[in-house]
């Protein structure tokens, strides 16, 4: 009950029961000798998702992406992309015609222009060297904001421009799904914003996007759904909005540290009838961005919505305990991620 770690959920609130599944893994597992990099991973990505694959270093994100693209074979389990079984060579070939990806730093010819590099990629990808292909190249150059720089050599591009050209290369053949592994790695803040805005534009065009990133602030701004994995296991999957709403808390500040301690004790020992919906109350350090820091620098964090704050306040007031300040704790995806991945793995998912 109280003081428990964040719940590790494996349920997912889906966009719609009729939503089209673009990519699905079932019990996907990859072992390297005795080491299990990905452990029975089951995720679903729907049409139109901007889907974030998150996890600490070494959690299996890149191994998962390599299996999704057929670059390495799973030990067991299945990947289905656009209805094709990626374990079947012919079906995998058909699926990858509709998938664009950036897994490592892409390589271009440094002395060719951006436009010439894209033309070469189109031809090597078996697109005809005709007016339709040329128009498509101009279209994607415009989409990634490189149309005015298309005649400059690649060697003169900034890192952000090179990353946008890489995204343009994934778009030339009209993909339905784009997979991006750490697309903002090494970029300065301006470059990160450029990629974020570009991902938003691609999503608006109906392209489904799977991305792995350590930039959790950026993930929260661009992703509609996420999966968080740790040591190859799925901890949680769902919409960003739903996951963060499940972590709603209120913070109560007290003018006397002794009152703070008493409030925590009362909430731990006497809430069964009046506050039977409450799962957690604990003393935590006051947030850095709060306008008032109580004596001792700590506040009482209660897992409750602002609508339930009145009940908590009345419960404490009836026992002669009065908070000086009550406010909502704003939960970010980064905070949620850190709390979730810091806890031990459970063999039995909690509902």
C-alpha atoms as a PDB file:
ATOM      1  CA  UNK A   1       0.000   0.000   0.000  1.00  0.00           C
ATOM      2  CA  UNK A   2       1.823   3.145   1.144  1.00  0.00           C
ATOM      3  CA  UNK A   3       5.477   3.560   0.391  1.00  0.00           C
ATOM      4  CA  UNK A   4       5.318   1.022  -2.443  1.00  0.00           C
ATOM      5  CA  UNK A   5       7.461   1.585  -5.564  1.00  0.00           C
ATOM      6  CA  UNK A   6       5.758   2.816  -8.748  1.00  0.00           C
ATOM      7  CA  UNK A   7       3.614   0.167 -10.344  1.00  0.00           C
ATOM      8  CA  UNK A   8       5.093  -1.755 -13.264  1.00  0.00           C
ATOM      9  CA  UNK A   9       2.245  -1.989 -15.707  1.00  0.00           C
ATOM     10  CA  UNK A  10       2.123  -4.212 -18.739  1.00  0.00           C
ATOM     11  CA  UNK A  11      -1.379  -3.232 -19.824  1.00  0.00           C
ATOM     12  CA  UNK A  12      -1.849  -0.680 -22.574  1.00  0.00           C
ATOM     13  CA  UNK A  13      -4.701   1.729 -23.176  1.00  0.00           C
ATOM     14  CA  UNK A  14      -5.013   1.434 -26.924  1.00  0.00           C
ATOM     15  CA  UNK A  15      -6.079   4.278 -29.213  1.00  0.00           C
ATOM     16  CA  UNK A  16      -8.994   2.270 -30.563  1.00  0.00           C
ATOM     17  CA  UNK A  17      -9.994  -1.347 -30.822  1.00  0.00           C
ATOM     18  CA  UNK A  18     -10.043  -0.823 -34.602  1.00  0.00           C
ATOM     19  CA  UNK A  19      -6.616   0.862 -34.815  1.00  0.00           C
ATOM     20  CA  UNK A  20      -4.343  -0.703 -37.414  1.00  0.00           C
ATOM     21  CA  UNK A  21      -1.287  -2.434 -35.978  1.00  0.00           C
ATOM     22  CA  UNK A  22       1.783  -1.403 -37.981  1.00  0.00           C
ATOM     23  CA  UNK A  23       4.393  -3.314 -35.981  1.00  0.00           C
ATOM     24  CA  UNK A  24       4.017  -6.017 -33.377  1.00  0.00           C
ATOM     25  CA  UNK A  25       6.432  -8.157 -31.400  1.00  0.00           C
ATOM     26  CA  UNK A  26       5.368 -11.307 -29.589  1.00  0.00           C
ATOM     27  CA  UNK A  27       7.617 -12.729 -26.865  1.00  0.00           C
ATOM     28  CA  UNK A  28      10.630 -11.377 -28.751  1.00  0.00           C
ATOM     29  CA  UNK A  29      13.847 -12.701 -27.195  1.00  0.00           C
ATOM     30  CA  UNK A  30      17.522 -12.394 -28.043  1.00  0.00           C
ATOM     31  CA  UNK A  31      20.273 -14.221 -26.188  1.00  0.00           C
ATOM     32  CA  UNK A  32      24.014 -13.914 -26.697  1.00  0.00           C
ATOM     33  CA  UNK A  33      25.424 -17.069 -25.120  1.00  0.00           C
ATOM     34  CA  UNK A  34      24.268 -16.851 -21.480  1.00  0.00           C
ATOM     35  CA  UNK A  35      23.301 -13.154 -21.685  1.00  0.00           C
ATOM     36  CA  UNK A  36      19.675 -12.258 -22.440  1.00  0.00           C
ATOM     37  CA  UNK A  37      19.600  -8.858 -24.158  1.00  0.00           C
ATOM     38  CA  UNK A  38      15.862  -8.861 -24.940  1.00  0.00           C
ATOM     39  CA  UNK A  39      13.519 -10.951 -22.813  1.00  0.00           C
ATOM     40  CA  UNK A  40      10.059 -11.944 -24.116  1.00  0.00           C
ATOM     41  CA  UNK A  41       9.261  -8.427 -25.331  1.00  0.00           C
ATOM     42  CA  UNK A  42       5.708  -7.858 -26.615  1.00  0.00           C
ATOM     43  CA  UNK A  43       4.831  -4.403 -27.949  1.00  0.00           C
ATOM     44  CA  UNK A  44       2.328  -3.009 -30.445  1.00  0.00           C
ATOM     45  CA  UNK A  45       2.705   0.112 -32.583  1.00  0.00           C
ATOM     46  CA  UNK A  46      -0.386   1.537 -34.233  1.00  0.00           C
ATOM     47  CA  UNK A  47      -0.840   3.519 -37.425  1.00  0.00           C
ATOM     48  CA  UNK A  48       0.017   7.172 -36.779  1.00  0.00           C
ATOM     49  CA  UNK A  49       1.925   6.542 -33.558  1.00  0.00           C
ATOM     50  CA  UNK A  50       5.044   8.430 -32.656  1.00  0.00           C
ATOM     51  CA  UNK A  51       6.263   5.630 -30.431  1.00  0.00           C
ATOM     52  CA  UNK A  52       9.173   6.025 -28.043  1.00  0.00           C
ATOM     53  CA  UNK A  53      11.277   3.019 -27.044  1.00  0.00           C
ATOM     54  CA  UNK A  54      12.920   4.004 -23.760  1.00  0.00           C
ATOM     55  CA  UNK A  55      15.279   2.343 -21.334  1.00  0.00           C
ATOM     56  CA  UNK A  56      18.558   2.802 -19.471  1.00  0.00           C
ATOM     57  CA  UNK A  57      21.853   2.087 -21.219  1.00  0.00           C
ATOM     58  CA  UNK A  58      22.134  -1.625 -21.871  1.00  0.00           C
ATOM     59  CA  UNK A  59      18.388  -2.214 -21.645  1.00  0.00           C
ATOM     60  CA  UNK A  60      18.149  -3.806 -25.099  1.00  0.00           C
ATOM     61  CA  UNK A  61      16.795  -0.907 -27.181  1.00  0.00           C
ATOM     62  CA  UNK A  62      19.281  -1.121 -30.051  1.00  0.00           C
ATOM     63  CA  UNK A  63      19.170  -4.930 -30.069  1.00  0.00           C
ATOM     64  CA  UNK A  64      15.385  -4.705 -30.344  1.00  0.00           C
ATOM     65  CA  UNK A  65      15.591  -2.251 -33.240  1.00  0.00           C
ATOM     66  CA  UNK A  66      18.096  -4.454 -35.059  1.00  0.00           C
ATOM     67  CA  UNK A  67      15.697  -7.394 -34.744  1.00  0.00           C
ATOM     68  CA  UNK A  68      12.798  -5.272 -35.993  1.00  0.00           C
ATOM     69  CA  UNK A  69      14.816  -4.473 -39.114  1.00  0.00           C
ATOM     70  CA  UNK A  70      16.015  -8.038 -39.674  1.00  0.00           C
ATOM     71  CA  UNK A  71      19.659  -7.062 -39.072  1.00  0.00           C
ATOM     72  CA  UNK A  72      19.943  -9.774 -36.432  1.00  0.00           C
ATOM     73  CA  UNK A  73      17.724 -12.786 -35.885  1.00  0.00           C
ATOM     74  CA  UNK A  74      15.827 -13.325 -32.623  1.00  0.00           C
ATOM     75  CA  UNK A  75      16.501 -16.361 -30.495  1.00  0.00           C
ATOM     76  CA  UNK A  76      12.733 -16.809 -30.207  1.00  0.00           C
ATOM     77  CA  UNK A  77       9.544 -14.830 -30.667  1.00  0.00           C
ATOM     78  CA  UNK A  78       8.073 -13.072 -33.658  1.00  0.00           C
ATOM     79  CA  UNK A  79       8.087  -9.653 -35.344  1.00  0.00           C
ATOM     80  CA  UNK A  80       5.228  -8.668 -37.639  1.00  0.00           C
ATOM     81  CA  UNK A  81       5.618  -5.470 -39.688  1.00  0.00           C
ATOM     82  CA  UNK A  82       2.797  -4.160 -41.865  1.00  0.00           C
ATOM     83  CA  UNK A  83       1.292  -7.624 -41.726  1.00  0.00           C
ATOM     84  CA  UNK A  84       4.485  -9.348 -42.910  1.00  0.00           C
ATOM     85  CA  UNK A  85       6.263 -12.002 -40.861  1.00  0.00           C
ATOM     86  CA  UNK A  86       9.830 -10.719 -40.462  1.00  0.00           C
ATOM     87  CA  UNK A  87      11.031 -14.266 -39.786  1.00  0.00           C
ATOM     88  CA  UNK A  88      10.255 -15.219 -43.385  1.00  0.00           C
ATOM     89  CA  UNK A  89      12.927 -13.967 -45.813  1.00  0.00           C
ATOM     90  CA  UNK A  90      10.539 -13.135 -48.664  1.00  0.00           C
ATOM     91  CA  UNK A  91       8.054 -11.397 -46.392  1.00  0.00           C
ATOM     92  CA  UNK A  92      10.859  -9.491 -44.654  1.00  0.00           C
ATOM     93  CA  UNK A  93      12.058  -8.205 -48.030  1.00  0.00           C
ATOM     94  CA  UNK A  94       8.533  -7.031 -48.866  1.00  0.00           C
ATOM     95  CA  UNK A  95       8.083  -5.323 -45.482  1.00  0.00           C
ATOM     96  CA  UNK A  96      11.384  -3.458 -45.648  1.00  0.00           C
ATOM     97  CA  UNK A  97      10.302  -1.827 -48.917  1.00  0.00           C
ATOM     98  CA  UNK A  98       7.912   0.207 -46.759  1.00  0.00           C
ATOM     99  CA  UNK A  99      10.291   0.955 -43.877  1.00  0.00           C
ATOM    100  CA  UNK A 100      12.886   3.708 -43.505  1.00  0.00           C
ATOM    101  CA  UNK A 101      15.490   3.610 -40.752  1.00  0.00           C
ATOM    102  CA  UNK A 102      18.475   5.355 -39.210  1.00  0.00           C
ATOM    103  CA  UNK A 103      20.287   2.963 -36.879  1.00  0.00           C
ATOM    104  CA  UNK A 104      23.829   4.313 -36.904  1.00  0.00           C
ATOM    105  CA  UNK A 105      25.424   7.498 -38.206  1.00  0.00           C
ATOM    106  CA  UNK A 106      24.513   7.452 -41.916  1.00  0.00           C
ATOM    107  CA  UNK A 107      27.281   7.694 -44.512  1.00  0.00           C
ATOM    108  CA  UNK A 108      27.017   9.993 -47.529  1.00  0.00           C
ATOM    109  CA  UNK A 109      29.457  11.007 -50.237  1.00  0.00           C
ATOM    110  CA  UNK A 110      31.066  14.138 -48.775  1.00  0.00           C
ATOM    111  CA  UNK A 111      31.767  15.922 -52.085  1.00  0.00           C
ATOM    112  CA  UNK A 112      28.351  15.315 -53.602  1.00  0.00           C
ATOM    113  CA  UNK A 113      25.556  17.758 -52.929  1.00  0.00           C
ATOM    114  CA  UNK A 114      22.583  16.897 -50.757  1.00  0.00           C
ATOM    115  CA  UNK A 115      20.439  16.501 -53.866  1.00  0.00           C
ATOM    116  CA  UNK A 116      23.004  14.285 -55.605  1.00  0.00           C
ATOM    117  CA  UNK A 117      23.316  12.049 -52.560  1.00  0.00           C
ATOM    118  CA  UNK A 118      19.552  11.540 -52.460  1.00  0.00           C
ATOM    119  CA  UNK A 119      19.471  10.810 -56.195  1.00  0.00           C
ATOM    120  CA  UNK A 120      22.128   8.139 -55.731  1.00  0.00           C
ATOM    121  CA  UNK A 121      20.191   6.593 -52.836  1.00  0.00           C
ATOM    122  CA  UNK A 122      17.017   6.520 -54.927  1.00  0.00           C
ATOM    123  CA  UNK A 123      18.771   4.803 -57.848  1.00  0.00           C
ATOM    124  CA  UNK A 124      20.553   2.303 -55.588  1.00  0.00           C
ATOM    125  CA  UNK A 125      17.139   1.583 -54.083  1.00  0.00           C
ATOM    126  CA  UNK A 126      15.838   0.569 -57.541  1.00  0.00           C
ATOM    127  CA  UNK A 127      13.778   3.714 -58.108  1.00  0.00           C
ATOM    128  CA  UNK A 128      13.774   4.774 -61.770  1.00  0.00           C
ATOM    129  CA  UNK A 129      15.942   7.754 -62.692  1.00  0.00           C
ATOM    130  CA  UNK A 130      13.037   9.731 -64.096  1.00  0.00           C
ATOM    131  CA  UNK A 131      11.030  12.887 -63.512  1.00  0.00           C
ATOM    132  CA  UNK A 132       8.781  11.276 -60.881  1.00  0.00           C
ATOM    133  CA  UNK A 133      11.790  10.297 -58.764  1.00  0.00           C
ATOM    134  CA  UNK A 134      13.355  13.733 -59.214  1.00  0.00           C
ATOM    135  CA  UNK A 135      10.131  15.376 -58.053  1.00  0.00           C
ATOM    136  CA  UNK A 136      10.040  13.079 -55.023  1.00  0.00           C
ATOM    137  CA  UNK A 137      13.588  14.124 -54.109  1.00  0.00           C
ATOM    138  CA  UNK A 138      12.607  17.789 -54.309  1.00  0.00           C
ATOM    139  CA  UNK A 139       9.547  17.056 -52.183  1.00  0.00           C
ATOM    140  CA  UNK A 140      11.544  15.459 -49.365  1.00  0.00           C
ATOM    141  CA  UNK A 141      14.223  18.173 -49.519  1.00  0.00           C
ATOM    142  CA  UNK A 142      11.450  20.685 -48.943  1.00  0.00           C
ATOM    143  CA  UNK A 143       9.984  18.608 -46.138  1.00  0.00           C
ATOM    144  CA  UNK A 144      13.287  18.502 -44.207  1.00  0.00           C
ATOM    145  CA  UNK A 145      14.038  22.197 -44.865  1.00  0.00           C
ATOM    146  CA  UNK A 146      17.045  21.542 -47.082  1.00  0.00           C
ATOM    147  CA  UNK A 147      15.645  22.767 -50.404  1.00  0.00           C
ATOM    148  CA  UNK A 148      17.653  25.989 -50.276  1.00  0.00           C
ATOM    149  CA  UNK A 149      20.866  24.118 -49.363  1.00  0.00           C
ATOM    150  CA  UNK A 150      20.416  21.161 -51.697  1.00  0.00           C
ATOM    151  CA  UNK A 151      23.204  22.278 -54.066  1.00  0.00           C
ATOM    152  CA  UNK A 152      25.830  22.505 -51.317  1.00  0.00           C
ATOM    153  CA  UNK A 153      28.222  19.622 -50.774  1.00  0.00           C
ATOM    154  CA  UNK A 154      27.505  17.318 -47.879  1.00  0.00           C
ATOM    155  CA  UNK A 155      30.905  18.138 -46.349  1.00  0.00           C
ATOM    156  CA  UNK A 156      29.692  21.692 -45.715  1.00  0.00           C
ATOM    157  CA  UNK A 157      26.559  20.649 -43.850  1.00  0.00           C
ATOM    158  CA  UNK A 158      26.216  21.156 -40.111  1.00  0.00           C
ATOM    159  CA  UNK A 159      25.512  18.095 -37.944  1.00  0.00           C
ATOM    160  CA  UNK A 160      21.835  19.027 -37.792  1.00  0.00           C
ATOM    161  CA  UNK A 161      21.662  19.354 -41.589  1.00  0.00           C
ATOM    162  CA  UNK A 162      23.360  15.981 -41.994  1.00  0.00           C
ATOM    163  CA  UNK A 163      20.786  14.401 -39.717  1.00  0.00           C
ATOM    164  CA  UNK A 164      17.961  16.003 -41.687  1.00  0.00           C
ATOM    165  CA  UNK A 165      19.470  14.704 -44.925  1.00  0.00           C
ATOM    166  CA  UNK A 166      19.551  11.242 -43.343  1.00  0.00           C
ATOM    167  CA  UNK A 167      15.849  11.573 -42.579  1.00  0.00           C
ATOM    168  CA  UNK A 168      15.256  12.711 -46.157  1.00  0.00           C
ATOM    169  CA  UNK A 169      17.012   9.552 -47.344  1.00  0.00           C
ATOM    170  CA  UNK A 170      14.566   7.404 -45.356  1.00  0.00           C
ATOM    171  CA  UNK A 171      11.631   9.243 -46.967  1.00  0.00           C
ATOM    172  CA  UNK A 172      12.546   8.986 -50.648  1.00  0.00           C
ATOM    173  CA  UNK A 173      10.815   5.633 -51.173  1.00  0.00           C
ATOM    174  CA  UNK A 174       7.501   6.622 -49.467  1.00  0.00           C
ATOM    175  CA  UNK A 175       7.830   4.615 -46.234  1.00  0.00           C
ATOM    176  CA  UNK A 176       4.850   3.832 -44.028  1.00  0.00           C
ATOM    177  CA  UNK A 177       7.089   3.319 -40.986  1.00  0.00           C
ATOM    178  CA  UNK A 178      10.297   5.094 -39.951  1.00  0.00           C
ATOM    179  CA  UNK A 179      12.598   3.701 -37.248  1.00  0.00           C
ATOM    180  CA  UNK A 180      15.102   6.100 -35.669  1.00  0.00           C
ATOM    181  CA  UNK A 181      17.747   5.066 -33.142  1.00  0.00           C
ATOM    182  CA  UNK A 182      18.917   8.121 -31.150  1.00  0.00           C
ATOM    183  CA  UNK A 183      18.141  10.664 -33.924  1.00  0.00           C
ATOM    184  CA  UNK A 184      19.298  13.664 -31.835  1.00  0.00           C
ATOM    185  CA  UNK A 185      22.626  12.222 -30.643  1.00  0.00           C
ATOM    186  CA  UNK A 186      25.355  14.865 -30.732  1.00  0.00           C
ATOM    187  CA  UNK A 187      23.070  17.692 -31.813  1.00  0.00           C
ATOM    188  CA  UNK A 188      23.110  21.102 -30.164  1.00  0.00           C
ATOM    189  CA  UNK A 189      19.820  22.423 -28.713  1.00  0.00           C
ATOM    190  CA  UNK A 190      18.869  24.091 -32.001  1.00  0.00           C
ATOM    191  CA  UNK A 191      19.460  20.844 -33.902  1.00  0.00           C
ATOM    192  CA  UNK A 192      17.376  18.900 -31.378  1.00  0.00           C
ATOM    193  CA  UNK A 193      14.476  21.321 -31.892  1.00  0.00           C
ATOM    194  CA  UNK A 194      14.801  20.972 -35.688  1.00  0.00           C
ATOM    195  CA  UNK A 195      14.535  17.182 -35.502  1.00  0.00           C
ATOM    196  CA  UNK A 196      11.638  17.394 -33.046  1.00  0.00           C
ATOM    197  CA  UNK A 197       9.714  19.695 -35.386  1.00  0.00           C
ATOM    198  CA  UNK A 198      10.513  17.470 -38.362  1.00  0.00           C
ATOM    199  CA  UNK A 199       9.220  14.375 -36.564  1.00  0.00           C
ATOM    200  CA  UNK A 200       6.016  16.296 -35.860  1.00  0.00           C
ATOM    201  CA  UNK A 201       5.621  17.161 -39.543  1.00  0.00           C
ATOM    202  CA  UNK A 202       6.190  13.568 -40.611  1.00  0.00           C
ATOM    203  CA  UNK A 203       3.604  12.372 -38.120  1.00  0.00           C
ATOM    204  CA  UNK A 204       1.079  14.847 -39.487  1.00  0.00           C
ATOM    205  CA  UNK A 205       1.554  13.243 -42.895  1.00  0.00           C
ATOM    206  CA  UNK A 206       0.410   9.905 -41.474  1.00  0.00           C
ATOM    207  CA  UNK A 207       3.840   8.266 -41.207  1.00  0.00           C
ATOM    208  CA  UNK A 208       4.243   5.986 -38.196  1.00  0.00           C
ATOM    209  CA  UNK A 209       7.481   6.612 -36.289  1.00  0.00           C
ATOM    210  CA  UNK A 210       9.390   4.481 -33.799  1.00  0.00           C
ATOM    211  CA  UNK A 211      12.261   6.243 -32.092  1.00  0.00           C
ATOM    212  CA  UNK A 212      14.722   5.416 -29.370  1.00  0.00           C
ATOM    213  CA  UNK A 213      16.205   8.331 -27.470  1.00  0.00           C
ATOM    214  CA  UNK A 214      17.792   9.403 -24.200  1.00  0.00           C
ATOM    215  CA  UNK A 215      16.265  12.870 -24.615  1.00  0.00           C
ATOM    216  CA  UNK A 216      13.242  12.209 -22.401  1.00  0.00           C
ATOM    217  CA  UNK A 217      12.118  15.838 -22.460  1.00  0.00           C
ATOM    218  CA  UNK A 218      11.996  15.646 -26.253  1.00  0.00           C
ATOM    219  CA  UNK A 219      10.256  12.261 -26.177  1.00  0.00           C
ATOM    220  CA  UNK A 220       7.510  13.716 -23.995  1.00  0.00           C
ATOM    221  CA  UNK A 221       6.938  16.495 -26.517  1.00  0.00           C
ATOM    222  CA  UNK A 222       6.817  14.365 -29.668  1.00  0.00           C
ATOM    223  CA  UNK A 223       5.651  10.861 -28.690  1.00  0.00           C
ATOM    224  CA  UNK A 224       2.043   9.753 -28.413  1.00  0.00           C
ATOM    225  CA  UNK A 225       2.922   6.371 -26.898  1.00  0.00           C
ATOM    226  CA  UNK A 226       5.978   4.846 -25.242  1.00  0.00           C
ATOM    227  CA  UNK A 227       7.388   1.565 -24.012  1.00  0.00           C
ATOM    228  CA  UNK A 228       9.916   1.509 -21.189  1.00  0.00           C
ATOM    229  CA  UNK A 229      12.196  -1.509 -20.955  1.00  0.00           C
ATOM    230  CA  UNK A 230      14.831  -2.540 -18.443  1.00  0.00           C
ATOM    231  CA  UNK A 231      17.264  -5.422 -18.859  1.00  0.00           C
ATOM    232  CA  UNK A 232      15.326  -6.468 -21.936  1.00  0.00           C
ATOM    233  CA  UNK A 233      11.978  -6.706 -20.134  1.00  0.00           C
ATOM    234  CA  UNK A 234       8.939  -4.548 -20.774  1.00  0.00           C
ATOM    235  CA  UNK A 235       8.044  -2.487 -17.718  1.00  0.00           C
ATOM    236  CA  UNK A 236       5.228  -0.403 -19.158  1.00  0.00           C
ATOM    237  CA  UNK A 237       3.592   0.468 -22.459  1.00  0.00           C
ATOM    238  CA  UNK A 238       0.929   3.078 -23.083  1.00  0.00           C
ATOM    239  CA  UNK A 239       0.113   6.633 -24.054  1.00  0.00           C
ATOM    240  CA  UNK A 240       2.274   9.305 -22.465  1.00  0.00           C
ATOM    241  CA  UNK A 241      -0.829  11.098 -21.217  1.00  0.00           C
ATOM    242  CA  UNK A 242      -2.252   7.997 -19.528  1.00  0.00           C
ATOM    243  CA  UNK A 243       1.024   6.979 -17.908  1.00  0.00           C
ATOM    244  CA  UNK A 244       1.644  10.408 -16.420  1.00  0.00           C
ATOM    245  CA  UNK A 245      -1.960  10.822 -15.255  1.00  0.00           C
ATOM    246  CA  UNK A 246      -1.593   7.588 -13.272  1.00  0.00           C
ATOM    247  CA  UNK A 247       1.236   9.250 -11.339  1.00  0.00           C
ATOM    248  CA  UNK A 248      -0.765  12.240 -10.100  1.00  0.00           C
ATOM    249  CA  UNK A 249       0.326  13.416  -6.658  1.00  0.00           C
ATOM    250  CA  UNK A 250      -0.251  16.339  -4.342  1.00  0.00           C
ATOM    251  CA  UNK A 251       2.407  17.938  -2.152  1.00  0.00           C
ATOM    252  CA  UNK A 252       1.593  19.174   1.338  1.00  0.00           C
ATOM    253  CA  UNK A 253       3.941  21.593   3.077  1.00  0.00           C
ATOM    254  CA  UNK A 254       3.972  22.118   6.860  1.00  0.00           C
ATOM    255  CA  UNK A 255       5.465  24.949   8.911  1.00  0.00           C
ATOM    256  CA  UNK A 256       6.865  22.505  11.459  1.00  0.00           C
ATOM    257  CA  UNK A 257       8.868  19.348  10.624  1.00  0.00           C
ATOM    258  CA  UNK A 258       7.263  17.586  13.584  1.00  0.00           C
ATOM    259  CA  UNK A 259       3.822  18.214  12.050  1.00  0.00           C
ATOM    260  CA  UNK A 260       5.083  16.757   8.783  1.00  0.00           C
ATOM    261  CA  UNK A 261       6.142  13.570  10.548  1.00  0.00           C
ATOM    262  CA  UNK A 262       2.811  13.341  12.350  1.00  0.00           C
ATOM    263  CA  UNK A 263       0.851  13.814   9.115  1.00  0.00           C
ATOM    264  CA  UNK A 264       2.742  10.954   7.454  1.00  0.00           C
ATOM    265  CA  UNK A 265       2.148   8.704  10.458  1.00  0.00           C
ATOM    266  CA  UNK A 266      -1.584   9.459  10.507  1.00  0.00           C
ATOM    267  CA  UNK A 267      -1.944   8.778   6.778  1.00  0.00           C
ATOM    268  CA  UNK A 268      -0.110   5.495   7.167  1.00  0.00           C
ATOM    269  CA  UNK A 269      -2.131   4.214  10.111  1.00  0.00           C
ATOM    270  CA  UNK A 270      -5.664   5.632   9.823  1.00  0.00           C
ATOM    271  CA  UNK A 271      -6.804   6.078   6.206  1.00  0.00           C
ATOM    272  CA  UNK A 272      -8.536   2.774   5.553  1.00  0.00           C
ATOM    273  CA  UNK A 273     -12.126   4.023   5.608  1.00  0.00           C
ATOM    274  CA  UNK A 274     -11.982   7.701   4.658  1.00  0.00           C
ATOM    275  CA  UNK A 275      -9.136   7.484   2.153  1.00  0.00           C
ATOM    276  CA  UNK A 276      -9.308   3.880   1.000  1.00  0.00           C
ATOM    277  CA  UNK A 277      -8.374   4.920  -2.565  1.00  0.00           C
ATOM    278  CA  UNK A 278      -4.966   6.243  -1.510  1.00  0.00           C
ATOM    279  CA  UNK A 279      -1.979   4.007  -2.279  1.00  0.00           C
ATOM    280  CA  UNK A 280       1.002   6.029  -1.134  1.00  0.00           C
ATOM    281  CA  UNK A 281       2.069   8.830   1.211  1.00  0.00           C
ATOM    282  CA  UNK A 282       5.714   9.581   1.858  1.00  0.00           C
ATOM    283  CA  UNK A 283       8.054  12.385   2.904  1.00  0.00           C
ATOM    284  CA  UNK A 284      10.172  13.684   0.025  1.00  0.00           C
ATOM    285  CA  UNK A 285      12.488  16.610  -0.626  1.00  0.00           C
ATOM    286  CA  UNK A 286      10.620  19.718  -1.723  1.00  0.00           C
ATOM    287  CA  UNK A 287      10.859  20.308  -5.511  1.00  0.00           C
ATOM    288  CA  UNK A 288      13.487  22.815  -6.531  1.00  0.00           C
ATOM    289  CA  UNK A 289      10.971  24.868  -8.493  1.00  0.00           C
ATOM    290  CA  UNK A 290       8.536  25.409  -5.617  1.00  0.00           C
ATOM    291  CA  UNK A 291       7.909  28.992  -4.525  1.00  0.00           C
ATOM    292  CA  UNK A 292       8.075  28.043  -0.839  1.00  0.00           C
ATOM    293  CA  UNK A 293      10.383  25.581   0.883  1.00  0.00           C
ATOM    294  CA  UNK A 294       9.124  24.417   4.303  1.00  0.00           C
ATOM    295  CA  UNK A 295      11.474  24.236   7.304  1.00  0.00           C
ATOM    296  CA  UNK A 296      13.611  21.134   6.900  1.00  0.00           C
ATOM    297  CA  UNK A 297      13.200  21.293   3.110  1.00  0.00           C
ATOM    298  CA  UNK A 298      10.719  18.408   2.914  1.00  0.00           C
ATOM    299  CA  UNK A 299       7.059  17.944   2.007  1.00  0.00           C
ATOM    300  CA  UNK A 300       4.503  15.152   2.188  1.00  0.00           C
ATOM    301  CA  UNK A 301       3.780  13.548  -1.182  1.00  0.00           C
ATOM    302  CA  UNK A 302       0.377  11.884  -1.414  1.00  0.00           C
ATOM    303  CA  UNK A 303      -0.759   9.873  -4.423  1.00  0.00           C
ATOM    304  CA  UNK A 304      -3.982  11.724  -5.124  1.00  0.00           C
ATOM    305  CA  UNK A 305      -5.498  14.104  -7.670  1.00  0.00           C
ATOM    306  CA  UNK A 306      -6.161  17.756  -6.942  1.00  0.00           C
ATOM    307  CA  UNK A 307      -9.856  16.846  -6.765  1.00  0.00           C
ATOM    308  CA  UNK A 308      -9.012  14.472  -3.902  1.00  0.00           C
ATOM    309  CA  UNK A 309      -6.836  17.037  -2.116  1.00  0.00           C
ATOM    310  CA  UNK A 310      -9.874  18.364  -0.230  1.00  0.00           C
ATOM    311  CA  UNK A 311     -10.535  14.926   1.272  1.00  0.00           C
ATOM    312  CA  UNK A 312      -6.902  14.569   2.355  1.00  0.00           C
ATOM    313  CA  UNK A 313      -6.912  18.060   3.878  1.00  0.00           C
ATOM    314  CA  UNK A 314     -10.182  17.445   5.713  1.00  0.00           C
ATOM    315  CA  UNK A 315      -8.916  14.092   7.005  1.00  0.00           C
ATOM    316  CA  UNK A 316      -5.805  15.709   8.470  1.00  0.00           C
ATOM    317  CA  UNK A 317      -7.694  18.759   9.750  1.00  0.00           C
ATOM    318  CA  UNK A 318     -10.095  16.557  11.692  1.00  0.00           C
ATOM    319  CA  UNK A 319      -7.054  15.327  13.587  1.00  0.00           C
ATOM    320  CA  UNK A 320      -5.649  18.782  14.232  1.00  0.00           C
ATOM    321  CA  UNK A 321      -3.061  18.664  11.450  1.00  0.00           C
ATOM    322  CA  UNK A 322      -3.070  21.602   9.061  1.00  0.00           C
ATOM    323  CA  UNK A 323      -0.978  22.005   5.924  1.00  0.00           C
ATOM    324  CA  UNK A 324       0.514  25.405   5.156  1.00  0.00           C
ATOM    325  CA  UNK A 325       0.474  24.759   1.434  1.00  0.00           C
ATOM    326  CA  UNK A 326      -1.063  22.199  -0.929  1.00  0.00           C
ATOM    327  CA  UNK A 327      -0.064  21.969  -4.567  1.00  0.00           C
ATOM    328  CA  UNK A 328      -0.048  19.483  -7.401  1.00  0.00           C
ATOM    329  CA  UNK A 329       3.208  17.736  -8.258  1.00  0.00           C
ATOM    330  CA  UNK A 330       3.871  18.122 -11.958  1.00  0.00           C
ATOM    331  CA  UNK A 331       5.152  14.759 -13.162  1.00  0.00           C
ATOM    332  CA  UNK A 332       7.394  14.636 -16.221  1.00  0.00           C
ATOM    333  CA  UNK A 333       8.197  11.613 -18.331  1.00  0.00           C
ATOM    334  CA  UNK A 334      11.774  11.904 -17.091  1.00  0.00           C
ATOM    335  CA  UNK A 335      10.685  11.684 -13.430  1.00  0.00           C
ATOM    336  CA  UNK A 336       8.394   8.772 -14.215  1.00  0.00           C
ATOM    337  CA  UNK A 337      11.157   6.992 -16.134  1.00  0.00           C
ATOM    338  CA  UNK A 338      13.719   7.452 -13.355  1.00  0.00           C
ATOM    339  CA  UNK A 339      11.334   6.211 -10.650  1.00  0.00           C
ATOM    340  CA  UNK A 340      10.264   3.218 -12.722  1.00  0.00           C
ATOM    341  CA  UNK A 341      13.693   2.072 -13.875  1.00  0.00           C
ATOM    342  CA  UNK A 342      15.269   2.558 -10.430  1.00  0.00           C
ATOM    343  CA  UNK A 343      13.041  -0.115  -8.867  1.00  0.00           C
ATOM    344  CA  UNK A 344      13.752  -3.880  -8.940  1.00  0.00           C
ATOM    345  CA  UNK A 345      12.124  -6.011 -11.590  1.00  0.00           C
ATOM    346  CA  UNK A 346       9.059  -8.022 -10.513  1.00  0.00           C
ATOM    347  CA  UNK A 347       8.397 -11.423 -11.968  1.00  0.00           C
ATOM    348  CA  UNK A 348       4.642 -10.921 -11.647  1.00  0.00           C
ATOM    349  CA  UNK A 349       3.233  -7.763 -13.302  1.00  0.00           C
ATOM    350  CA  UNK A 350       1.090  -5.649 -11.005  1.00  0.00           C
ATOM    351  CA  UNK A 351      -2.352  -4.685 -12.264  1.00  0.00           C
END
